[in-house]
Amino acid sequence: LNGLGLPFQDGPWDPKDQFHWFNRVWTLQEAPRRAIFGG
């Protein structure tokens, strides 16, 4: 969620952060039914 290979950061994310996983267009089609969290 927070960058390739970087530690997982829990909690609310900045909606203005253009580089967060939840705020990127391409990750919309990558959203899985089952997820393995990295970091």
All heavy atoms as atom14 arrays in JSON, in Angstrom:
{
  "sequence": "LNGLGLPFQDGPWDPKDQFHWFNRVWTLQEAPRRAIFGG",
  "atom14_mask": [
    [1, 1, 1, 1, 1, 1, 1, 1, 0, 0, 0, 0, 0, 0],
    [1, 1, 1, 1, 1, 1, 1, 1, 0, 0, 0, 0, 0, 0],
    [1, 1, 1, 1, 0, 0, 0, 0, 0, 0, 0, 0, 0, 0],
    [1, 1, 1, 1, 1, 1, 1, 1, 0, 0, 0, 0, 0, 0],
    [1, 1, 1, 1, 0, 0, 0, 0, 0, 0, 0, 0, 0, 0],
    [1, 1, 1, 1, 1, 1, 1, 1, 0, 0, 0, 0, 0, 0],
    [1, 1, 1, 1, 1, 1, 1, 0, 0, 0, 0, 0, 0, 0],
    [1, 1, 1, 1, 1, 1, 1, 1, 1, 1, 1, 0, 0, 0],
    [1, 1, 1, 1, 1, 1, 1, 1, 1, 0, 0, 0, 0, 0],
    [1, 1, 1, 1, 1, 1, 1, 1, 0, 0, 0, 0, 0, 0],
    [1, 1, 1, 1, 0, 0, 0, 0, 0, 0, 0, 0, 0, 0],
    [1, 1, 1, 1, 1, 1, 1, 0, 0, 0, 0, 0, 0, 0],
    [1, 1, 1, 1, 1, 1, 1, 1, 1, 1, 1, 1, 1, 1],
    [1, 1, 1, 1, 1, 1, 1, 1, 0, 0, 0, 0, 0, 0],
    [1, 1, 1, 1, 1, 1, 1, 0, 0, 0, 0, 0, 0, 0],
    [1, 1, 1, 1, 1, 1, 1, 1, 1, 0, 0, 0, 0, 0],
    [1, 1, 1, 1, 1, 1, 1, 1, 0, 0, 0, 0, 0, 0],
    [1, 1, 1, 1, 1, 1, 1, 1, 1, 0, 0, 0, 0, 0],
    [1, 1, 1, 1, 1, 1, 1, 1, 1, 1, 1, 0, 0, 0],
    [1, 1, 1, 1, 1, 1, 1, 1, 1, 1, 0, 0, 0, 0],
    [1, 1, 1, 1, 1, 1, 1, 1, 1, 1, 1, 1, 1, 1],
    [1, 1, 1, 1, 1, 1, 1, 1, 1, 1, 1, 0, 0, 0],
    [1, 1, 1, 1, 1, 1, 1, 1, 0, 0, 0, 0, 0, 0],
    [1, 1, 1, 1, 1, 1, 1, 1, 1, 1, 1, 0, 0, 0],
    [1, 1, 1, 1, 1, 1, 1, 0, 0, 0, 0, 0, 0, 0],
    [1, 1, 1, 1, 1, 1, 1, 1, 1, 1, 1, 1, 1, 1],
    [1, 1, 1, 1, 1, 1, 1, 0, 0, 0, 0, 0, 0, 0],
    [1, 1, 1, 1, 1, 1, 1, 1, 0, 0, 0, 0, 0, 0],
    [1, 1, 1, 1, 1, 1, 1, 1, 1, 0, 0, 0, 0, 0],
    [1, 1, 1, 1, 1, 1, 1, 1, 1, 0, 0, 0, 0, 0],
    [1, 1, 1, 1, 1, 0, 0, 0, 0, 0, 0, 0, 0, 0],
    [1, 1, 1, 1, 1, 1, 1, 0, 0, 0, 0, 0, 0, 0],
    [1, 1, 1, 1, 1, 1, 1, 1, 1, 1, 1, 0, 0, 0],
    [1, 1, 1, 1, 1, 1, 1, 1, 1, 1, 1, 0, 0, 0],
    [1, 1, 1, 1, 1, 0, 0, 0, 0, 0, 0, 0, 0, 0],
    [1, 1, 1, 1, 1, 1, 1, 1, 0, 0, 0, 0, 0, 0],
    [1, 1, 1, 1, 1, 1, 1, 1, 1, 1, 1, 0, 0, 0],
    [1, 1, 1, 1, 0, 0, 0, 0, 0, 0, 0, 0, 0, 0],
    [1, 1, 1, 1, 0, 0, 0, 0, 0, 0, 0, 0, 0, 0]
  ],
  "atom14_positions": [
    [[0.8, -1.22, 0.0], [0.0, 0.0, 0.0], [0.84, 1.27, 0.0], [0.4, 2.31, -0.5], [-0.93, 0.01, 1.22], [-2.08, -1.0, 1.24], [-2.91, -0.82, 2.5], [-2.96, -0.85, 0.01], [0.0, 0.0, 0.0], [0.0, 0.0, 0.0], [0.0, 0.0, 0.0], [0.0, 0.0, 0.0], [0.0, 0.0, 0.0], [0.0, 0.0, 0.0]],
    [[2.03, 1.2, 0.57], [2.81, 2.43, 0.8], [4.07, 2.51, -0.04], [4.94, 3.33, 0.23], [3.17, 2.52, 2.29], [1.95, 2.4, 3.18], [1.71, 1.36, 3.78], [1.15, 3.45, 3.24], [0.0, 0.0, 0.0], [0.0, 0.0, 0.0], [0.0, 0.0, 0.0], [0.0, 0.0, 0.0], [0.0, 0.0, 0.0], [0.0, 0.0, 0.0]],
    [[4.18, 1.68, -1.04], [5.35, 1.69, -1.89], [6.01, 0.33, -1.93], [6.05, -0.39, -0.94], [0.0, 0.0, 0.0], [0.0, 0.0, 0.0], [0.0, 0.0, 0.0], [0.0, 0.0, 0.0], [0.0, 0.0, 0.0], [0.0, 0.0, 0.0], [0.0, 0.0, 0.0], [0.0, 0.0, 0.0], [0.0, 0.0, 0.0], [0.0, 0.0, 0.0]],
    [[6.55, -0.03, -3.08], [7.15, -1.34, -3.28], [8.26, -1.6, -2.26], [9.22, -0.84, -2.16], [7.72, -1.44, -4.7], [8.46, -2.71, -5.05], [7.52, -3.92, -4.99], [9.09, -2.59, -6.43], [0.0, 0.0, 0.0], [0.0, 0.0, 0.0], [0.0, 0.0, 0.0], [0.0, 0.0, 0.0], [0.0, 0.0, 0.0], [0.0, 0.0, 0.0]],
    [[8.11, -2.68, -1.5], [9.13, -3.08, -0.55], [9.19, -2.27, 0.72], [10.04, -2.55, 1.58], [0.0, 0.0, 0.0], [0.0, 0.0, 0.0], [0.0, 0.0, 0.0], [0.0, 0.0, 0.0], [0.0, 0.0, 0.0], [0.0, 0.0, 0.0], [0.0, 0.0, 0.0], [0.0, 0.0, 0.0], [0.0, 0.0, 0.0], [0.0, 0.0, 0.0]],
    [[8.31, -1.28, 0.86], [8.35, -0.41, 2.04], [7.41, -0.97, 3.12], [6.45, -1.69, 2.83], [7.93, 1.02, 1.67], [8.84, 1.72, 0.64], [8.33, 3.13, 0.4], [10.29, 1.74, 1.11], [0.0, 0.0, 0.0], [0.0, 0.0, 0.0], [0.0, 0.0, 0.0], [0.0, 0.0, 0.0], [0.0, 0.0, 0.0], [0.0, 0.0, 0.0]],
    [[7.67, -0.62, 4.39], [6.85, -1.14, 5.49], [5.39, -0.72, 5.36], [5.08, 0.38, 4.87], [7.5, -0.53, 6.74], [8.9, -0.22, 6.33], [8.82, 0.16, 4.88], [0.0, 0.0, 0.0], [0.0, 0.0, 0.0], [0.0, 0.0, 0.0], [0.0, 0.0, 0.0], [0.0, 0.0, 0.0], [0.0, 0.0, 0.0], [0.0, 0.0, 0.0]],
    [[4.51, -1.58, 5.81], [3.08, -1.3, 5.83], [2.78, -0.22, 6.87], [3.25, -0.29, 8.01], [2.31, -2.58, 6.16], [0.84, -2.37, 6.33], [0.0, -2.33, 5.24], [0.29, -2.23, 7.61], [-1.37, -2.15, 5.41], [-1.07, -2.06, 7.78], [-1.9, -2.01, 6.68], [0.0, 0.0, 0.0], [0.0, 0.0, 0.0], [0.0, 0.0, 0.0]],
    [[2.02, 0.79, 6.48], [1.61, 1.86, 7.4], [0.1, 1.8, 7.55], [-0.64, 2.02, 6.59], [2.05, 3.22, 6.87], [3.57, 3.38, 6.77], [3.96, 4.73, 6.21], [3.16, 5.67, 6.18], [5.2, 4.85, 5.75], [0.0, 0.0, 0.0], [0.0, 0.0, 0.0], [0.0, 0.0, 0.0], [0.0, 0.0, 0.0], [0.0, 0.0, 0.0]],
    [[-0.34, 1.52, 8.75], [-1.76, 1.35, 9.0], [-2.42, 2.7, 9.3], [-1.75, 3.71, 9.49], [-1.97, 0.39, 10.17], [-3.39, -0.16, 10.21], [-4.11, 0.03, 9.21], [-3.76, -0.79, 11.2], [0.0, 0.0, 0.0], [0.0, 0.0, 0.0], [0.0, 0.0, 0.0], [0.0, 0.0, 0.0], [0.0, 0.0, 0.0], [0.0, 0.0, 0.0]],
    [[-3.73, 2.65, 9.35], [-4.46, 3.85, 9.74], [-4.88, 4.69, 8.56], [-4.63, 4.36, 7.4], [0.0, 0.0, 0.0], [0.0, 0.0, 0.0], [0.0, 0.0, 0.0], [0.0, 0.0, 0.0], [0.0, 0.0, 0.0], [0.0, 0.0, 0.0], [0.0, 0.0, 0.0], [0.0, 0.0, 0.0], [0.0, 0.0, 0.0], [0.0, 0.0, 0.0]],
    [[-5.53, 5.83, 8.81], [-6.0, 6.69, 7.72], [-4.85, 7.15, 6.84], [-3.74, 7.38, 7.3], [-6.64, 7.87, 8.48], [-6.94, 7.34, 9.84], [-5.87, 6.34, 10.14], [0.0, 0.0, 0.0], [0.0, 0.0, 0.0], [0.0, 0.0, 0.0], [0.0, 0.0, 0.0], [0.0, 0.0, 0.0], [0.0, 0.0, 0.0], [0.0, 0.0, 0.0]],
    [[-5.1, 7.28, 5.55], [-4.12, 7.75, 4.59], [-4.52, 9.14, 4.12], [-5.69, 9.54, 4.19], [-4.03, 6.8, 3.4], [-5.33, 6.65, 2.68], [-5.75, 7.32, 1.57], [-6.41, 5.79, 3.04], [-7.01, 6.95, 1.21], [-7.44, 6.01, 2.09], [-6.6, 4.86, 4.07], [-8.64, 5.32, 2.15], [-7.81, 4.18, 4.11], [-8.81, 4.41, 3.17]],
    [[-3.56, 9.87, 3.64], [-3.8, 11.23, 3.19], [-4.5, 11.19, 1.83], [-3.91, 10.72, 0.85], [-2.47, 11.98, 3.08], [-2.67, 13.45, 2.68], [-3.83, 13.87, 2.48], [-1.66, 14.16, 2.58], [0.0, 0.0, 0.0], [0.0, 0.0, 0.0], [0.0, 0.0, 0.0], [0.0, 0.0, 0.0], [0.0, 0.0, 0.0], [0.0, 0.0, 0.0]],
    [[-5.73, 11.67, 1.72], [-6.42, 11.63, 0.42], [-5.76, 12.51, -0.63], [-6.04, 12.37, -1.81], [-7.84, 12.13, 0.77], [-7.68, 12.92, 2.03], [-6.57, 12.27, 2.79], [0.0, 0.0, 0.0], [0.0, 0.0, 0.0], [0.0, 0.0, 0.0], [0.0, 0.0, 0.0], [0.0, 0.0, 0.0], [0.0, 0.0, 0.0], [0.0, 0.0, 0.0]],
    [[-4.88, 13.41, -0.19], [-4.17, 14.27, -1.13], [-2.83, 13.68, -1.56], [-2.13, 14.27, -2.39], [-3.95, 15.66, -0.51], [-5.24, 16.41, -0.22], [-4.96, 17.79, 0.35], [-6.25, 18.54, 0.64], [-5.99, 19.9, 1.22], [0.0, 0.0, 0.0], [0.0, 0.0, 0.0], [0.0, 0.0, 0.0], [0.0, 0.0, 0.0], [0.0, 0.0, 0.0]],
    [[-2.48, 12.53, -0.99], [-1.23, 11.87, -1.37], [-1.44, 11.18, -2.71], [-2.06, 10.12, -2.8], [-0.83, 10.85, -0.3], [0.46, 10.12, -0.63], [1.07, 10.43, -1.68], [0.86, 9.22, 0.14], [0.0, 0.0, 0.0], [0.0, 0.0, 0.0], [0.0, 0.0, 0.0], [0.0, 0.0, 0.0], [0.0, 0.0, 0.0], [0.0, 0.0, 0.0]],
    [[-0.93, 11.78, -3.77], [-1.16, 11.27, -5.12], [-0.48, 9.93, -5.37], [-0.71, 9.31, -6.42], [-0.69, 12.29, -6.16], [-1.42, 13.61, -6.1], [-0.98, 14.56, -7.19], [-0.24, 14.19, -8.1], [-1.43, 15.8, -7.11], [0.0, 0.0, 0.0], [0.0, 0.0, 0.0], [0.0, 0.0, 0.0], [0.0, 0.0, 0.0], [0.0, 0.0, 0.0]],
    [[0.36, 9.49, -4.45], [1.14, 8.27, -4.68], [0.74, 7.13, -3.74], [1.41, 6.11, -3.72], [2.63, 8.57, -4.55], [3.15, 9.52, -5.59], [3.16, 10.89, -5.36], [3.58, 9.05, -6.82], [3.61, 11.77, -6.32], [4.03, 9.92, -7.8], [4.05, 11.29, -7.55], [0.0, 0.0, 0.0], [0.0, 0.0, 0.0], [0.0, 0.0, 0.0]],
    [[-0.34, 7.3, -3.0], [-0.81, 6.2, -2.16], [-1.6, 5.22, -3.01], [-2.27, 5.6, -3.97], [-1.68, 6.73, -1.02], [-1.94, 5.71, 0.05], [-2.91, 4.73, -0.06], [-1.34, 5.5, 1.25], [-2.91, 3.97, 1.02], [-1.97, 4.41, 1.83], [0.0, 0.0, 0.0], [0.0, 0.0, 0.0], [0.0, 0.0, 0.0], [0.0, 0.0, 0.0]],
    [[-1.54, 3.95, -2.64], [-2.19, 2.89, -3.42], [-3.67, 3.16, -3.63], [-4.21, 2.92, -4.71], [-1.99, 1.56, -2.69], [-2.33, 0.34, -3.49], [-1.48, -0.38, -4.31], [-3.59, -0.32, -3.57], [-2.14, -1.45, -4.87], [-3.45, -1.44, -4.43], [-4.84, -0.09, -2.99], [-4.49, -2.31, -4.73], [-5.88, -0.96, -3.29], [-5.71, -2.04, -4.15]],
    [[-4.35, 3.69, -2.62], [-5.78, 3.95, -2.72], [-6.1, 5.14, -3.64], [-7.26, 5.34, -3.98], [-6.38, 4.21, -1.34], [-6.5, 2.98, -0.49], [-6.14, 3.01, 0.84], [-6.97, 1.78, -1.02], [-6.24, 1.88, 1.63], [-7.08, 0.65, -0.24], [-6.72, 0.69, 1.1], [0.0, 0.0, 0.0], [0.0, 0.0, 0.0], [0.0, 0.0, 0.0]],
    [[-5.09, 5.91, -3.99], [-5.33, 7.12, -4.77], [-4.84, 7.02, -6.21], [-4.83, 8.02, -6.92], [-4.66, 8.33, -4.09], [-5.22, 8.61, -2.72], [-6.38, 8.29, -2.44], [-4.41, 9.2, -1.85], [0.0, 0.0, 0.0], [0.0, 0.0, 0.0], [0.0, 0.0, 0.0], [0.0, 0.0, 0.0], [0.0, 0.0, 0.0], [0.0, 0.0, 0.0]],
    [[-4.42, 5.84, -6.65], [-3.9, 5.67, -8.0], [-4.94, 4.99, -8.9], [-5.7, 4.12, -8.48], [-2.62, 4.84, -8.0], [-1.5, 5.44, -7.19], [-1.07, 6.79, -7.72], [-0.38, 6.69, -9.0], [0.03, 7.75, -9.69], [-0.2, 8.98, -9.24], [0.67, 7.59, -10.83], [0.0, 0.0, 0.0], [0.0, 0.0, 0.0], [0.0, 0.0, 0.0]],
    [[-4.97, 5.4, -10.16], [-5.93, 4.86, -11.12], [-5.65, 3.39, -11.44], [-6.56, 2.56, -11.43], [-5.91, 5.7, -12.42], [-6.5, 4.92, -13.58], [-6.7, 6.99, -12.22], [0.0, 0.0, 0.0], [0.0, 0.0, 0.0], [0.0, 0.0, 0.0], [0.0, 0.0, 0.0], [0.0, 0.0, 0.0], [0.0, 0.0, 0.0], [0.0, 0.0, 0.0]],
    [[-4.39, 3.06, -11.71], [-4.08, 1.71, -12.16], [-4.38, 0.65, -11.1], [-4.7, -0.49, -11.43], [-2.62, 1.61, -12.6], [-2.37, 2.1, -13.99], [-1.6, 3.17, -14.35], [-2.88, 1.55, -15.21], [-1.62, 3.33, -15.72], [-2.4, 2.35, -16.26], [-3.71, 0.48, -15.5], [-2.71, 2.09, -17.6], [-4.03, 0.23, -16.83], [-3.53, 1.03, -17.87]],
    [[-4.26, 1.01, -9.83], [-4.5, 0.0, -8.8], [-5.97, -0.39, -8.72], [-6.31, -1.39, -8.09], [-4.03, 0.5, -7.42], [-4.69, 1.74, -7.1], [-2.53, 0.71, -7.42], [0.0, 0.0, 0.0], [0.0, 0.0, 0.0], [0.0, 0.0, 0.0], [0.0, 0.0, 0.0], [0.0, 0.0, 0.0], [0.0, 0.0, 0.0], [0.0, 0.0, 0.0]],
    [[-6.84, 0.39, -9.36], [-8.26, 0.04, -9.36], [-8.49, -1.3, -10.05], [-9.27, -2.13, -9.59], [-9.07, 1.14, -10.05], [-10.59, 1.05, -9.93], [-11.02, 1.14, -8.48], [-11.25, 2.15, -10.75], [0.0, 0.0, 0.0], [0.0, 0.0, 0.0], [0.0, 0.0, 0.0], [0.0, 0.0, 0.0], [0.0, 0.0, 0.0], [0.0, 0.0, 0.0]],
    [[-7.8, -1.55, -11.18], [-7.97, -2.83, -11.86], [-7.1, -3.93, -11.23], [-7.24, -5.1, -11.56], [-7.63, -2.71, -13.35], [-6.17, -2.61, -13.68], [-5.9, -2.88, -15.16], [-6.8, -3.17, -15.94], [-4.64, -2.81, -15.54], [0.0, 0.0, 0.0], [0.0, 0.0, 0.0], [0.0, 0.0, 0.0], [0.0, 0.0, 0.0], [0.0, 0.0, 0.0]],
    [[-6.22, -3.53, -10.31], [-5.38, -4.51, -9.63], [-5.97, -4.94, -8.28], [-5.42, -5.82, -7.62], [-3.98, -3.93, -9.41], [-3.26, -3.55, -10.7], [-1.99, -2.75, -10.46], [-1.6, -2.6, -9.28], [-1.39, -2.26, -11.44], [0.0, 0.0, 0.0], [0.0, 0.0, 0.0], [0.0, 0.0, 0.0], [0.0, 0.0, 0.0], [0.0, 0.0, 0.0]],
    [[-7.07, -4.29, -7.87], [-7.68, -4.59, -6.57], [-8.11, -6.04, -6.52], [-8.93, -6.48, -7.32], [-8.86, -3.67, -6.32], [0.0, 0.0, 0.0], [0.0, 0.0, 0.0], [0.0, 0.0, 0.0], [0.0, 0.0, 0.0], [0.0, 0.0, 0.0], [0.0, 0.0, 0.0], [0.0, 0.0, 0.0], [0.0, 0.0, 0.0], [0.0, 0.0, 0.0]],
    [[-7.57, -6.83, -5.58], [-7.84, -8.27, -5.57], [-9.04, -8.65, -4.71], [-9.48, -7.9, -3.86], [-6.55, -8.83, -4.96], [-6.14, -7.77, -3.98], [-6.57, -6.44, -4.58], [0.0, 0.0, 0.0], [0.0, 0.0, 0.0], [0.0, 0.0, 0.0], [0.0, 0.0, 0.0], [0.0, 0.0, 0.0], [0.0, 0.0, 0.0], [0.0, 0.0, 0.0]],
    [[-9.55, -9.85, -4.96], [-10.52, -10.45, -4.05], [-9.82, -10.99, -2.81], [-10.38, -10.99, -1.73], [-11.26, -11.6, -4.73], [-12.2, -11.29, -5.91], [-12.9, -9.99, -5.89], [-14.06, -9.99, -6.78], [-14.23, -9.15, -7.78], [-13.3, -8.26, -8.05], [-15.32, -9.18, -8.52], [0.0, 0.0, 0.0], [0.0, 0.0, 0.0], [0.0, 0.0, 0.0]],
    [[-8.59, -11.47, -3.01], [-7.77, -11.94, -1.89], [-6.44, -11.2, -1.95], [-5.84, -11.08, -3.01], [-7.52, -13.44, -1.98], [-8.7, -14.31, -1.6], [-8.41, -15.77, -1.88], [-7.24, -16.25, -1.16], [-6.54, -17.32, -1.54], [-6.85, -17.97, -2.64], [-5.52, -17.72, -0.81], [0.0, 0.0, 0.0], [0.0, 0.0, 0.0], [0.0, 0.0, 0.0]],
    [[-6.01, -10.69, -0.81], [-4.78, -9.89, -0.77], [-3.79, -10.49, 0.22], [-4.18, -10.99, 1.28], [-5.08, -8.45, -0.38], [0.0, 0.0, 0.0], [0.0, 0.0, 0.0], [0.0, 0.0, 0.0], [0.0, 0.0, 0.0], [0.0, 0.0, 0.0], [0.0, 0.0, 0.0], [0.0, 0.0, 0.0], [0.0, 0.0, 0.0], [0.0, 0.0, 0.0]],
    [[-2.52, -10.44, -0.16], [-1.42, -10.73, 0.75], [-0.68, -9.42, 0.95], [-0.14, -8.86, 0.0], [-0.47, -11.8, 0.18], [-1.22, -13.1, -0.08], [0.69, -12.04, 1.14], [-0.38, -14.17, -0.77], [0.0, 0.0, 0.0], [0.0, 0.0, 0.0], [0.0, 0.0, 0.0], [0.0, 0.0, 0.0], [0.0, 0.0, 0.0], [0.0, 0.0, 0.0]],
    [[-0.7, -8.9, 2.18], [-0.11, -7.59, 2.43], [1.41, -7.69, 2.52], [1.96, -8.46, 3.32], [-0.67, -6.99, 3.72], [-2.05, -6.42, 3.56], [-3.16, -7.18, 3.88], [-2.23, -5.15, 3.07], [-4.44, -6.67, 3.73], [-3.5, -4.62, 2.91], [-4.61, -5.39, 3.23], [0.0, 0.0, 0.0], [0.0, 0.0, 0.0], [0.0, 0.0, 0.0]],
    [[2.09, -6.9, 1.7], [3.54, -6.78, 1.79], [3.91, -5.71, 2.8], [3.17, -4.76, 3.03], [0.0, 0.0, 0.0], [0.0, 0.0, 0.0], [0.0, 0.0, 0.0], [0.0, 0.0, 0.0], [0.0, 0.0, 0.0], [0.0, 0.0, 0.0], [0.0, 0.0, 0.0], [0.0, 0.0, 0.0], [0.0, 0.0, 0.0], [0.0, 0.0, 0.0]],
    [[5.08, -5.87, 3.41], [5.56, -4.89, 4.37], [4.92, -5.02, 5.74], [5.21, -4.21, 6.63], [0.0, 0.0, 0.0], [0.0, 0.0, 0.0], [0.0, 0.0, 0.0], [0.0, 0.0, 0.0], [0.0, 0.0, 0.0], [0.0, 0.0, 0.0], [0.0, 0.0, 0.0], [0.0, 0.0, 0.0], [0.0, 0.0, 0.0], [0.0, 0.0, 0.0]]
  ]
}
